[in-house]
Structures are given as C-alpha cells and as structure tokens.
Amino acid sequence: MTVFLGLGIAGIVLLVLSLVLDGVLEGLFGGAGVLDGLFDGLLSLPVVAGFVSMLGFGGAIVLGTTGLGAGPATVAGACAGLGAGWVTWKMTRALMRDQTTPTPRGDDLVGTAGSVVTAIPADGYGEVLLHLAGQPVKYAARSSAAVARGTEIWVDAALTPTSVAVRPVER
C-alpha cells in the first residue's frame, strides 16, 4: 500500500510541478519531426500527473478496502489513472481551443449607424453615440455638412481612435 500512496503523492507533486514547468514534455516531443502532433497533449505534465496520482490512490483504495492482491489493485488503479488522464486531456484541449472574439477596432465602426448627441457644425466637431461590440460609446464626429442633434448618422471613416467622419442618413 505504501507504493500506491507514494505514487499518488508523486502524482500530486508532479501536478504542482506542471504549474511551474508548463509545457516541458510537449517541448521535448514537439521537436521530433516524426512525433510532431502524434501525442497532441497526451504527454503533458497535467495528464501524466493525473494518471500517476489516480494509479496510486486508486490502487491504494482497492488494496485497502478489498482482499484482492497487488495485481488487481494495480489494474484497477491503472484503469482509474487512464480515466483521469483522459478527462484531464479532454479538459485541457477544450480550454486551449477556447477562442475569444477579436478586439474591436475603430475600422469596425465604418458602416454603423448612430445618433448625434452634440450638434455637428459644418467642418467642425460634434459628438455621436455609436455601439461598439454592443456597448454604447461616444465619439467625436466630423461632417462636411452641419448635422443637428438627434439626427441618425452613418459612419463613413474612422479618423482617429476617438473620432469618426459621419454623414446623415437619408430616408
């Protein structure tokens, strides 16, 4: 039972090391052209740590609670370790695939509609309310013609990160 508990504790220590030495095993096998992409995270430290700790603790539980010997306890621990390793691998792959949407830029405003908050004089600046990534944002706005407050506008160009060129919507 001491060997199984030692394996379980070693797995926990390996898991702590995986936080410090992240990606070491992937780096070792990633450089080999033949093995490139073959394991795809199967030999990551968290997966190995999950397997080793469940092998140890699962084997210790079977050995301590049943009258079976070390052989069946090892098989049961290995099955538990494979399950823990597989779950860890699937979860890390899901987390690594998690993609966020790109950060919105000023060019994303071109073609959007908004409304004038502060009147825009001819060849001067006013303010418009636009929606960027679902959030209302006020921008300084310039127009070739005077635009009254409350008028619906279209964005023609992003002049700077905080100002846009607009034109009134014609209906």
C-alpha atoms as a PDB file:
ATOM      1  CA  MET A   1       0.000   0.000   0.000  1.00  0.00           C
ATOM      2  CA  THR A   2       2.942   2.310   0.653  1.00  0.00           C
ATOM      3  CA  VAL A   3       3.987   2.104  -3.001  1.00  0.00           C
ATOM      4  CA  PHE A   4       0.485   3.096  -4.160  1.00  0.00           C
ATOM      5  CA  LEU A   5       0.299   6.011  -1.737  1.00  0.00           C
ATOM      6  CA  GLY A   6       3.775   7.085  -2.851  1.00  0.00           C
ATOM      7  CA  LEU A   7       2.612   7.072  -6.479  1.00  0.00           C
ATOM      8  CA  GLY A   8      -0.444   9.111  -5.538  1.00  0.00           C
ATOM      9  CA  ILE A   9       1.643  11.693  -3.724  1.00  0.00           C
ATOM     10  CA  ALA A  10       4.178  11.734  -6.569  1.00  0.00           C
ATOM     11  CA  GLY A  11       1.310  12.488  -8.956  1.00  0.00           C
ATOM     12  CA  ILE A  12       0.218  15.424  -6.819  1.00  0.00           C
ATOM     13  CA  VAL A  13       3.818  16.716  -6.716  1.00  0.00           C
ATOM     14  CA  LEU A  14       4.025  16.304 -10.499  1.00  0.00           C
ATOM     15  CA  LEU A  15       0.813  18.277 -10.835  1.00  0.00           C
ATOM     16  CA  VAL A  16       2.319  21.113  -8.793  1.00  0.00           C
ATOM     17  CA  LEU A  17       5.443  20.946 -10.968  1.00  0.00           C
ATOM     18  CA  SER A  18       3.259  21.166 -14.064  1.00  0.00           C
ATOM     19  CA  LEU A  19       2.231  24.632 -12.931  1.00  0.00           C
ATOM     20  CA  VAL A  20       5.890  25.642 -12.745  1.00  0.00           C
ATOM     21  CA  LEU A  21       7.308  23.663 -15.704  1.00  0.00           C
ATOM     22  CA  ASP A  22       4.388  24.120 -18.079  1.00  0.00           C
ATOM     23  CA  GLY A  23       4.886  22.519 -21.493  1.00  0.00           C
ATOM     24  CA  VAL A  24       8.224  20.770 -20.856  1.00  0.00           C
ATOM     25  CA  LEU A  25       7.202  17.348 -22.169  1.00  0.00           C
ATOM     26  CA  GLU A  26       5.398  18.884 -25.140  1.00  0.00           C
ATOM     27  CA  GLY A  27       8.594  20.785 -25.916  1.00  0.00           C
ATOM     28  CA  LEU A  28      10.699  17.614 -25.745  1.00  0.00           C
ATOM     29  CA  PHE A  29       8.461  15.658 -28.107  1.00  0.00           C
ATOM     30  CA  GLY A  30       7.402  18.653 -30.202  1.00  0.00           C
ATOM     31  CA  GLY A  31      10.894  18.991 -31.671  1.00  0.00           C
ATOM     32  CA  ALA A  32      10.890  15.449 -33.068  1.00  0.00           C
ATOM     33  CA  GLY A  33       9.523  15.609 -36.614  1.00  0.00           C
ATOM     34  CA  VAL A  34       8.151  12.046 -36.540  1.00  0.00           C
ATOM     35  CA  LEU A  35       6.302  12.587 -33.254  1.00  0.00           C
ATOM     36  CA  ASP A  36       5.115  16.111 -34.077  1.00  0.00           C
ATOM     37  CA  GLY A  37       1.369  16.203 -33.359  1.00  0.00           C
ATOM     38  CA  LEU A  38       1.191  12.471 -32.609  1.00  0.00           C
ATOM     39  CA  PHE A  39       0.669  12.825 -28.881  1.00  0.00           C
ATOM     40  CA  ASP A  40      -1.055  16.248 -29.092  1.00  0.00           C
ATOM     41  CA  GLY A  41      -1.080  16.898 -25.355  1.00  0.00           C
ATOM     42  CA  LEU A  42      -1.258  13.260 -24.198  1.00  0.00           C
ATOM     43  CA  LEU A  43       2.175  13.546 -22.605  1.00  0.00           C
ATOM     44  CA  SER A  44       1.560  16.895 -20.944  1.00  0.00           C
ATOM     45  CA  LEU A  45       2.506  17.138 -17.291  1.00  0.00           C
ATOM     46  CA  PRO A  46      -1.104  17.542 -16.081  1.00  0.00           C
ATOM     47  CA  VAL A  47      -2.188  14.387 -17.947  1.00  0.00           C
ATOM     48  CA  VAL A  48       0.769  12.355 -16.654  1.00  0.00           C
ATOM     49  CA  ALA A  49       0.190  13.710 -13.132  1.00  0.00           C
ATOM     50  CA  GLY A  50      -3.499  12.778 -13.273  1.00  0.00           C
ATOM     51  CA  PHE A  51      -2.654   9.263 -14.433  1.00  0.00           C
ATOM     52  CA  VAL A  52       0.071   8.671 -11.829  1.00  0.00           C
ATOM     53  CA  SER A  53      -1.926  10.065  -8.905  1.00  0.00           C
ATOM     54  CA  MET A  54      -5.061   8.078  -9.776  1.00  0.00           C
ATOM     55  CA  LEU A  55      -2.974   4.939 -10.337  1.00  0.00           C
ATOM     56  CA  GLY A  56      -1.539   5.349  -6.857  1.00  0.00           C
ATOM     57  CA  PHE A  57      -4.638   6.432  -4.962  1.00  0.00           C
ATOM     58  CA  GLY A  58      -6.955   4.078  -6.882  1.00  0.00           C
ATOM     59  CA  GLY A  59      -4.635   1.152  -6.228  1.00  0.00           C
ATOM     60  CA  ALA A  60      -4.375   2.073  -2.534  1.00  0.00           C
ATOM     61  CA  ILE A  61      -8.164   2.231  -2.192  1.00  0.00           C
ATOM     62  CA  VAL A  62      -8.655  -1.167  -3.858  1.00  0.00           C
ATOM     63  CA  LEU A  63      -5.843  -2.735  -1.831  1.00  0.00           C
ATOM     64  CA  GLY A  64      -7.081  -1.270   1.448  1.00  0.00           C
ATOM     65  CA  THR A  65     -10.814  -1.966   1.038  1.00  0.00           C
ATOM     66  CA  THR A  66     -10.792  -5.398  -0.594  1.00  0.00           C
ATOM     67  CA  GLY A  67      -8.991  -8.634  -0.012  1.00  0.00           C
ATOM     68  CA  LEU A  68      -7.520  -8.558  -3.520  1.00  0.00           C
ATOM     69  CA  GLY A  69      -3.782  -8.519  -4.000  1.00  0.00           C
ATOM     70  CA  ALA A  70      -1.397  -6.043  -5.566  1.00  0.00           C
ATOM     71  CA  GLY A  71      -2.066  -7.230  -9.150  1.00  0.00           C
ATOM     72  CA  PRO A  72      -5.803  -6.457  -9.226  1.00  0.00           C
ATOM     73  CA  ALA A  73      -5.164  -3.239  -7.295  1.00  0.00           C
ATOM     74  CA  THR A  74      -2.650  -2.189  -9.964  1.00  0.00           C
ATOM     75  CA  VAL A  75      -5.109  -2.967 -12.760  1.00  0.00           C
ATOM     76  CA  ALA A  76      -7.891  -1.022 -11.005  1.00  0.00           C
ATOM     77  CA  GLY A  77      -5.525   1.885 -10.348  1.00  0.00           C
ATOM     78  CA  ALA A  78      -4.362   1.873 -13.974  1.00  0.00           C
ATOM     79  CA  CYS A  79      -7.984   1.972 -15.174  1.00  0.00           C
ATOM     80  CA  ALA A  80      -8.709   4.880 -12.828  1.00  0.00           C
ATOM     81  CA  GLY A  81      -5.492   6.555 -13.995  1.00  0.00           C
ATOM     82  CA  LEU A  82      -6.449   6.175 -17.651  1.00  0.00           C
ATOM     83  CA  GLY A  83      -9.829   7.701 -16.899  1.00  0.00           C
ATOM     84  CA  ALA A  84      -8.302  10.635 -15.013  1.00  0.00           C
ATOM     85  CA  GLY A  85      -5.693  11.178 -17.733  1.00  0.00           C
ATOM     86  CA  TRP A  86      -8.344  11.110 -20.467  1.00  0.00           C
ATOM     87  CA  VAL A  87     -10.562  13.614 -18.612  1.00  0.00           C
ATOM     88  CA  THR A  88      -7.559  15.883 -17.996  1.00  0.00           C
ATOM     89  CA  TRP A  89      -6.552  15.681 -21.664  1.00  0.00           C
ATOM     90  CA  LYS A  90     -10.077  16.485 -22.879  1.00  0.00           C
ATOM     91  CA  MET A  91     -10.429  19.408 -20.475  1.00  0.00           C
ATOM     92  CA  THR A  92      -7.062  20.930 -21.376  1.00  0.00           C
ATOM     93  CA  ARG A  93      -7.852  20.591 -25.093  1.00  0.00           C
ATOM     94  CA  ALA A  94     -11.199  22.306 -24.546  1.00  0.00           C
ATOM     95  CA  LEU A  95      -9.521  25.123 -22.628  1.00  0.00           C
ATOM     96  CA  MET A  96      -6.820  25.527 -25.259  1.00  0.00           C
ATOM     97  CA  ARG A  97      -9.447  25.733 -28.035  1.00  0.00           C
ATOM     98  CA  ASP A  98     -11.357  28.451 -26.204  1.00  0.00           C
ATOM     99  CA  GLN A  99     -11.170  31.440 -28.528  1.00  0.00           C
ATOM    100  CA  THR A 100     -12.252  34.959 -27.797  1.00  0.00           C
ATOM    101  CA  THR A 101     -13.603  37.311 -30.385  1.00  0.00           C
ATOM    102  CA  PRO A 102     -11.132  39.790 -31.806  1.00  0.00           C
ATOM    103  CA  THR A 103     -10.829  43.107 -30.026  1.00  0.00           C
ATOM    104  CA  PRO A 104     -12.952  45.712 -31.816  1.00  0.00           C
ATOM    105  CA  ARG A 105     -11.066  48.454 -33.634  1.00  0.00           C
ATOM    106  CA  GLY A 106     -12.054  51.833 -34.977  1.00  0.00           C
ATOM    107  CA  ASP A 107     -12.318  50.451 -38.506  1.00  0.00           C
ATOM    108  CA  ASP A 108     -15.125  48.189 -37.268  1.00  0.00           C
ATOM    109  CA  LEU A 109     -17.268  51.307 -36.875  1.00  0.00           C
ATOM    110  CA  VAL A 110     -17.334  52.104 -40.598  1.00  0.00           C
ATOM    111  CA  GLY A 111     -20.837  51.482 -41.892  1.00  0.00           C
ATOM    112  CA  THR A 112     -22.549  51.501 -38.498  1.00  0.00           C
ATOM    113  CA  ALA A 113     -25.457  53.727 -37.573  1.00  0.00           C
ATOM    114  CA  GLY A 114     -25.657  56.035 -34.599  1.00  0.00           C
ATOM    115  CA  SER A 115     -27.189  59.290 -33.458  1.00  0.00           C
ATOM    116  CA  VAL A 116     -25.860  62.791 -32.909  1.00  0.00           C
ATOM    117  CA  VAL A 117     -25.508  63.723 -29.233  1.00  0.00           C
ATOM    118  CA  THR A 118     -23.945  67.167 -29.703  1.00  0.00           C
ATOM    119  CA  ALA A 119     -24.717  69.040 -32.920  1.00  0.00           C
ATOM    120  CA  ILE A 120     -22.001  68.857 -35.558  1.00  0.00           C
ATOM    121  CA  PRO A 121     -21.207  72.210 -37.237  1.00  0.00           C
ATOM    122  CA  ALA A 122     -20.076  72.306 -40.868  1.00  0.00           C
ATOM    123  CA  ASP A 123     -16.334  71.492 -40.941  1.00  0.00           C
ATOM    124  CA  GLY A 124     -16.276  71.216 -37.139  1.00  0.00           C
ATOM    125  CA  TYR A 125     -16.601  68.553 -34.483  1.00  0.00           C
ATOM    126  CA  GLY A 126     -19.603  67.329 -32.516  1.00  0.00           C
ATOM    127  CA  GLU A 127     -20.382  64.076 -30.703  1.00  0.00           C
ATOM    128  CA  VAL A 128     -22.168  60.929 -31.811  1.00  0.00           C
ATOM    129  CA  LEU A 129     -23.327  57.872 -29.896  1.00  0.00           C
ATOM    130  CA  LEU A 130     -22.315  54.588 -31.537  1.00  0.00           C
ATOM    131  CA  HIS A 131     -22.438  50.965 -30.450  1.00  0.00           C
ATOM    132  CA  LEU A 132     -19.089  49.168 -30.490  1.00  0.00           C
ATOM    133  CA  ALA A 133     -19.183  45.487 -29.510  1.00  0.00           C
ATOM    134  CA  GLY A 134     -22.620  46.009 -28.018  1.00  0.00           C
ATOM    135  CA  GLN A 135     -21.527  48.899 -25.794  1.00  0.00           C
ATOM    136  CA  PRO A 136     -22.645  52.497 -26.319  1.00  0.00           C
ATOM    137  CA  VAL A 137     -19.614  54.721 -26.915  1.00  0.00           C
ATOM    138  CA  LYS A 138     -19.419  58.462 -27.614  1.00  0.00           C
ATOM    139  CA  TYR A 139     -17.068  59.576 -30.379  1.00  0.00           C
ATOM    140  CA  ALA A 140     -16.040  62.961 -31.662  1.00  0.00           C
ATOM    141  CA  ALA A 141     -17.580  63.339 -35.106  1.00  0.00           C
ATOM    142  CA  ARG A 142     -16.859  65.451 -38.134  1.00  0.00           C
ATOM    143  CA  SER A 143     -19.168  66.039 -41.085  1.00  0.00           C
ATOM    144  CA  SER A 144     -18.917  68.063 -44.279  1.00  0.00           C
ATOM    145  CA  ALA A 145     -22.403  69.488 -43.623  1.00  0.00           C
ATOM    146  CA  ALA A 146     -23.989  70.666 -40.394  1.00  0.00           C
ATOM    147  CA  VAL A 147     -25.914  67.904 -38.580  1.00  0.00           C
ATOM    148  CA  ALA A 148     -28.494  68.645 -35.877  1.00  0.00           C
ATOM    149  CA  ARG A 149     -28.741  66.914 -32.516  1.00  0.00           C
ATOM    150  CA  GLY A 150     -30.778  63.671 -32.602  1.00  0.00           C
ATOM    151  CA  THR A 151     -30.163  63.037 -36.318  1.00  0.00           C
ATOM    152  CA  GLU A 152     -29.432  59.457 -37.331  1.00  0.00           C
ATOM    153  CA  ILE A 153     -25.993  59.164 -38.961  1.00  0.00           C
ATOM    154  CA  TRP A 154     -23.761  56.652 -40.766  1.00  0.00           C
ATOM    155  CA  VAL A 155     -20.045  56.358 -40.066  1.00  0.00           C
ATOM    156  CA  ASP A 156     -18.012  56.891 -43.246  1.00  0.00           C
ATOM    157  CA  ALA A 157     -14.488  56.599 -41.812  1.00  0.00           C
ATOM    158  CA  ALA A 158     -12.543  56.279 -38.584  1.00  0.00           C
ATOM    159  CA  LEU A 159     -10.341  59.386 -38.482  1.00  0.00           C
ATOM    160  CA  THR A 160      -8.538  58.654 -35.211  1.00  0.00           C
ATOM    161  CA  PRO A 161      -9.135  56.163 -32.381  1.00  0.00           C
ATOM    162  CA  THR A 162     -11.557  58.678 -30.836  1.00  0.00           C
ATOM    163  CA  SER A 163     -13.108  60.439 -33.848  1.00  0.00           C
ATOM    164  CA  VAL A 164     -15.115  59.457 -36.915  1.00  0.00           C
ATOM    165  CA  ALA A 165     -16.359  61.032 -40.128  1.00  0.00           C
ATOM    166  CA  VAL A 166     -20.141  60.778 -40.478  1.00  0.00           C
ATOM    167  CA  ARG A 167     -22.980  61.670 -42.842  1.00  0.00           C
ATOM    168  CA  PRO A 168     -26.696  61.966 -42.114  1.00  0.00           C
ATOM    169  CA  VAL A 169     -28.895  59.004 -43.042  1.00  0.00           C
ATOM    170  CA  GLU A 170     -31.166  59.874 -45.942  1.00  0.00           C
ATOM    171  CA  ARG A 171     -34.530  58.129 -45.894  1.00  0.00           C
END
